[in-house]
N, C-alpha and C. Protein backbone atom coordinates (compact mmCIF):
# COMPACT_ATOMS: atom_id res chain seq x y z
N MET A 1 0.85 -1.15 0.00
CA MET A 1 0.00 0.00 0.00
C MET A 1 0.90 1.22 0.00
N VAL A 2 0.60 2.18 -0.89
CA VAL A 2 1.33 3.44 -0.92
C VAL A 2 0.38 4.53 -0.44
N LEU A 3 0.74 5.18 0.64
CA LEU A 3 -0.08 6.26 1.19
C LEU A 3 0.38 7.57 0.57
N LEU A 4 -0.54 8.24 -0.10
CA LEU A 4 -0.23 9.54 -0.70
C LEU A 4 -1.05 10.58 0.02
N GLY A 5 -0.42 11.44 0.76
CA GLY A 5 -1.14 12.44 1.52
C GLY A 5 -1.10 12.13 2.99
N ILE A 6 -1.65 13.04 3.75
CA ILE A 6 -1.60 12.92 5.20
C ILE A 6 -3.00 13.06 5.76
N GLY A 7 -3.38 12.13 6.62
CA GLY A 7 -4.68 12.19 7.27
C GLY A 7 -4.56 12.69 8.68
N LYS A 8 -5.70 13.02 9.27
CA LYS A 8 -5.71 13.50 10.65
C LYS A 8 -5.59 12.37 11.65
N ASP A 9 -6.11 11.20 11.30
CA ASP A 9 -6.17 10.08 12.24
C ASP A 9 -5.03 9.10 11.99
N PRO A 10 -4.60 8.39 13.04
CA PRO A 10 -3.58 7.36 12.86
C PRO A 10 -4.12 6.23 11.99
N LEU A 11 -3.23 5.52 11.34
CA LEU A 11 -3.60 4.40 10.49
C LEU A 11 -3.41 3.09 11.25
N ALA A 12 -4.49 2.35 11.43
CA ALA A 12 -4.41 1.05 12.09
C ALA A 12 -4.12 0.00 11.03
N VAL A 13 -3.09 -0.78 11.25
CA VAL A 13 -2.69 -1.79 10.27
C VAL A 13 -2.55 -3.13 10.98
N ALA A 14 -3.17 -4.17 10.40
CA ALA A 14 -3.01 -5.52 10.93
C ALA A 14 -1.64 -6.03 10.51
N THR A 15 -0.84 -6.47 11.46
CA THR A 15 0.53 -6.86 11.14
C THR A 15 0.66 -8.26 10.55
N ALA A 16 -0.24 -9.17 10.90
CA ALA A 16 -0.12 -10.55 10.39
C ALA A 16 -0.14 -10.60 8.86
N PRO A 17 -1.09 -9.94 8.17
CA PRO A 17 -1.06 -10.00 6.71
C PRO A 17 0.20 -9.36 6.11
N LEU A 18 0.75 -8.35 6.79
CA LEU A 18 1.98 -7.74 6.30
C LEU A 18 3.14 -8.72 6.34
N VAL A 19 3.27 -9.38 7.47
CA VAL A 19 4.40 -10.29 7.66
C VAL A 19 4.23 -11.58 6.85
N SER A 20 3.07 -12.20 6.95
CA SER A 20 2.87 -13.49 6.27
C SER A 20 2.78 -13.34 4.76
N GLY A 21 2.30 -12.22 4.29
CA GLY A 21 2.17 -12.03 2.85
C GLY A 21 3.31 -11.24 2.24
N GLU A 22 4.33 -10.92 3.06
CA GLU A 22 5.46 -10.11 2.62
C GLU A 22 4.97 -8.85 1.91
N ARG A 23 4.02 -8.17 2.55
CA ARG A 23 3.48 -6.93 2.04
C ARG A 23 4.09 -5.77 2.80
N SER A 24 3.85 -4.55 2.31
CA SER A 24 4.41 -3.39 2.99
C SER A 24 3.49 -2.19 2.85
N VAL A 25 3.69 -1.25 3.73
CA VAL A 25 3.00 0.03 3.70
C VAL A 25 4.09 1.09 3.62
N VAL A 26 4.01 1.95 2.60
CA VAL A 26 5.00 3.01 2.45
C VAL A 26 4.28 4.33 2.24
N GLY A 27 4.96 5.41 2.51
CA GLY A 27 4.40 6.73 2.30
C GLY A 27 5.21 7.51 1.28
N SER A 28 4.54 8.37 0.55
CA SER A 28 5.21 9.18 -0.46
C SER A 28 4.39 10.44 -0.70
N ILE A 29 5.04 11.52 -1.03
CA ILE A 29 4.32 12.74 -1.36
C ILE A 29 3.60 12.56 -2.69
N THR A 30 4.26 11.97 -3.69
CA THR A 30 3.62 11.80 -5.00
C THR A 30 3.63 10.36 -5.50
N GLY A 31 4.47 9.51 -4.96
CA GLY A 31 4.61 8.15 -5.49
C GLY A 31 5.57 8.16 -6.67
N SER A 32 6.04 6.99 -7.03
CA SER A 32 6.96 6.86 -8.16
C SER A 32 6.15 6.68 -9.45
N PRO A 33 6.77 6.84 -10.61
CA PRO A 33 6.07 6.56 -11.87
C PRO A 33 5.53 5.13 -11.91
N TYR A 34 6.29 4.18 -11.36
CA TYR A 34 5.83 2.78 -11.31
C TYR A 34 4.57 2.66 -10.44
N ASP A 35 4.55 3.34 -9.29
CA ASP A 35 3.37 3.32 -8.41
C ASP A 35 2.16 3.90 -9.14
N SER A 36 2.37 4.99 -9.86
CA SER A 36 1.27 5.63 -10.60
C SER A 36 0.72 4.69 -11.66
N GLU A 37 1.61 4.01 -12.37
CA GLU A 37 1.18 3.07 -13.42
C GLU A 37 0.38 1.92 -12.81
N ARG A 38 0.84 1.37 -11.71
CA ARG A 38 0.12 0.27 -11.05
C ARG A 38 -1.23 0.74 -10.54
N THR A 39 -1.29 1.95 -10.00
CA THR A 39 -2.54 2.51 -9.50
C THR A 39 -3.55 2.68 -10.63
N LEU A 40 -3.10 3.20 -11.75
CA LEU A 40 -4.00 3.37 -12.90
C LEU A 40 -4.46 2.02 -13.44
N ASP A 41 -3.57 1.04 -13.49
CA ASP A 41 -3.96 -0.31 -13.92
C ASP A 41 -5.04 -0.87 -13.00
N PHE A 42 -4.86 -0.70 -11.69
CA PHE A 42 -5.83 -1.18 -10.72
C PHE A 42 -7.18 -0.49 -10.90
N SER A 43 -7.16 0.82 -11.13
CA SER A 43 -8.42 1.55 -11.29
C SER A 43 -9.18 1.09 -12.53
N VAL A 44 -8.45 0.75 -13.60
CA VAL A 44 -9.10 0.23 -14.81
C VAL A 44 -9.71 -1.13 -14.53
N LEU A 45 -8.98 -1.99 -13.84
CA LEU A 45 -9.48 -3.33 -13.53
C LEU A 45 -10.73 -3.31 -12.66
N THR A 46 -10.77 -2.39 -11.72
CA THR A 46 -11.87 -2.38 -10.74
C THR A 46 -12.95 -1.36 -11.03
N GLY A 47 -12.72 -0.49 -12.02
CA GLY A 47 -13.70 0.56 -12.31
C GLY A 47 -13.69 1.68 -11.29
N ALA A 48 -12.61 1.80 -10.51
CA ALA A 48 -12.51 2.84 -9.50
C ALA A 48 -12.45 4.21 -10.16
N ARG A 49 -13.12 5.16 -9.58
CA ARG A 49 -13.13 6.53 -10.08
C ARG A 49 -12.81 7.48 -8.93
N PRO A 50 -12.16 8.61 -9.23
CA PRO A 50 -11.80 9.55 -8.16
C PRO A 50 -13.03 10.26 -7.61
N ARG A 51 -12.94 10.68 -6.38
CA ARG A 51 -13.97 11.52 -5.77
C ARG A 51 -13.39 12.92 -5.69
N ILE A 52 -14.02 13.82 -6.44
CA ILE A 52 -13.49 15.16 -6.59
C ILE A 52 -14.56 16.19 -6.26
N GLU A 53 -14.16 17.19 -5.49
CA GLU A 53 -15.02 18.34 -5.25
C GLU A 53 -14.44 19.49 -6.07
N THR A 54 -15.28 20.17 -6.83
CA THR A 54 -14.79 21.26 -7.66
C THR A 54 -15.42 22.59 -7.24
N LEU A 55 -14.64 23.64 -7.40
CA LEU A 55 -15.11 25.01 -7.20
C LEU A 55 -14.49 25.86 -8.30
N PRO A 56 -15.20 26.90 -8.73
CA PRO A 56 -14.61 27.79 -9.73
C PRO A 56 -13.43 28.55 -9.14
N LEU A 57 -12.51 28.92 -10.00
CA LEU A 57 -11.30 29.62 -9.59
C LEU A 57 -11.62 30.87 -8.77
N GLU A 58 -12.73 31.51 -9.07
CA GLU A 58 -13.13 32.71 -8.34
C GLU A 58 -13.37 32.44 -6.86
N ARG A 59 -13.59 31.17 -6.50
CA ARG A 59 -13.84 30.80 -5.10
C ARG A 59 -12.62 30.10 -4.49
N ALA A 60 -11.42 30.44 -5.00
CA ALA A 60 -10.19 29.80 -4.53
C ALA A 60 -9.98 29.99 -3.03
N ASN A 61 -10.28 31.18 -2.51
CA ASN A 61 -10.11 31.41 -1.07
C ASN A 61 -10.96 30.46 -0.25
N GLU A 62 -12.18 30.23 -0.69
CA GLU A 62 -13.07 29.28 0.00
C GLU A 62 -12.49 27.87 -0.07
N ALA A 63 -11.97 27.50 -1.25
CA ALA A 63 -11.38 26.17 -1.42
C ALA A 63 -10.20 25.95 -0.49
N VAL A 64 -9.34 26.96 -0.39
CA VAL A 64 -8.17 26.85 0.50
C VAL A 64 -8.63 26.76 1.95
N HIS A 65 -9.60 27.57 2.35
CA HIS A 65 -10.10 27.52 3.72
C HIS A 65 -10.68 26.13 4.03
N ARG A 66 -11.47 25.58 3.10
CA ARG A 66 -12.04 24.25 3.30
C ARG A 66 -10.95 23.19 3.41
N MET A 67 -9.92 23.33 2.59
CA MET A 67 -8.83 22.36 2.61
C MET A 67 -8.06 22.43 3.94
N LEU A 68 -7.70 23.64 4.36
CA LEU A 68 -6.94 23.81 5.60
C LEU A 68 -7.73 23.41 6.85
N SER A 69 -9.05 23.55 6.78
CA SER A 69 -9.87 23.19 7.94
C SER A 69 -10.19 21.70 7.98
N GLY A 70 -9.83 20.98 6.93
CA GLY A 70 -10.11 19.54 6.89
C GLY A 70 -11.51 19.23 6.39
N ALA A 71 -12.23 20.22 5.86
CA ALA A 71 -13.60 20.00 5.38
C ALA A 71 -13.64 19.32 4.02
N VAL A 72 -12.52 19.33 3.29
CA VAL A 72 -12.47 18.65 1.99
C VAL A 72 -12.15 17.19 2.27
N THR A 73 -13.05 16.31 1.88
CA THR A 73 -12.88 14.89 2.19
C THR A 73 -11.93 14.19 1.22
N PHE A 74 -11.97 14.56 -0.04
CA PHE A 74 -11.16 13.85 -1.02
C PHE A 74 -10.20 14.83 -1.71
N ARG A 75 -10.49 15.24 -2.92
CA ARG A 75 -9.62 16.14 -3.66
C ARG A 75 -10.40 17.38 -4.06
N MET A 76 -9.78 18.54 -3.88
CA MET A 76 -10.40 19.81 -4.28
C MET A 76 -9.73 20.25 -5.57
N VAL A 77 -10.54 20.56 -6.58
CA VAL A 77 -10.04 21.01 -7.88
C VAL A 77 -10.69 22.34 -8.21
N LEU A 78 -9.87 23.31 -8.59
CA LEU A 78 -10.38 24.60 -9.04
C LEU A 78 -10.61 24.54 -10.54
N THR A 79 -11.79 24.99 -10.98
CA THR A 79 -12.12 24.97 -12.40
C THR A 79 -12.08 26.38 -12.98
N MET A 80 -11.88 26.45 -14.28
CA MET A 80 -11.89 27.74 -14.96
C MET A 80 -13.17 27.82 -15.78
N GLY A 81 -13.70 29.01 -15.92
CA GLY A 81 -14.92 29.19 -16.69
C GLY A 81 -16.14 29.32 -15.83
N GLY A 82 -15.99 29.25 -14.52
CA GLY A 82 -17.10 29.49 -13.60
C GLY A 82 -18.06 28.35 -13.43
N SER A 83 -17.86 27.21 -14.08
CA SER A 83 -18.81 26.11 -13.92
C SER A 83 -18.36 25.20 -12.79
N VAL A 84 -19.32 24.70 -12.06
CA VAL A 84 -19.06 23.75 -10.99
C VAL A 84 -19.59 22.41 -11.43
N ALA A 85 -18.71 21.44 -11.57
CA ALA A 85 -19.13 20.11 -12.02
C ALA A 85 -19.23 19.20 -10.82
N PRO A 86 -20.42 18.68 -10.51
CA PRO A 86 -20.54 17.74 -9.39
C PRO A 86 -19.85 16.44 -9.72
N GLN A 87 -19.16 15.88 -8.74
CA GLN A 87 -18.45 14.61 -8.94
C GLN A 87 -18.94 13.59 -7.94
């Protein structure tokens, strides 16, 4: 498992599957190109889609405030053109 980003809560991990399955948990700010490729392959196989909250660029201050306060649950994206696309 590659953790990208930082959460507020500690991560509880069962150690037996890590040790017996020779698995690992690592952290990275962006991940490696190989990690990105594997992640995209997995998303295609499983049909996983990102959860994105969008706000127009004009509301950037609100977006930053929501991000810093922890109110953004997934990813915040600023859009151009004033349209807000629900995700």
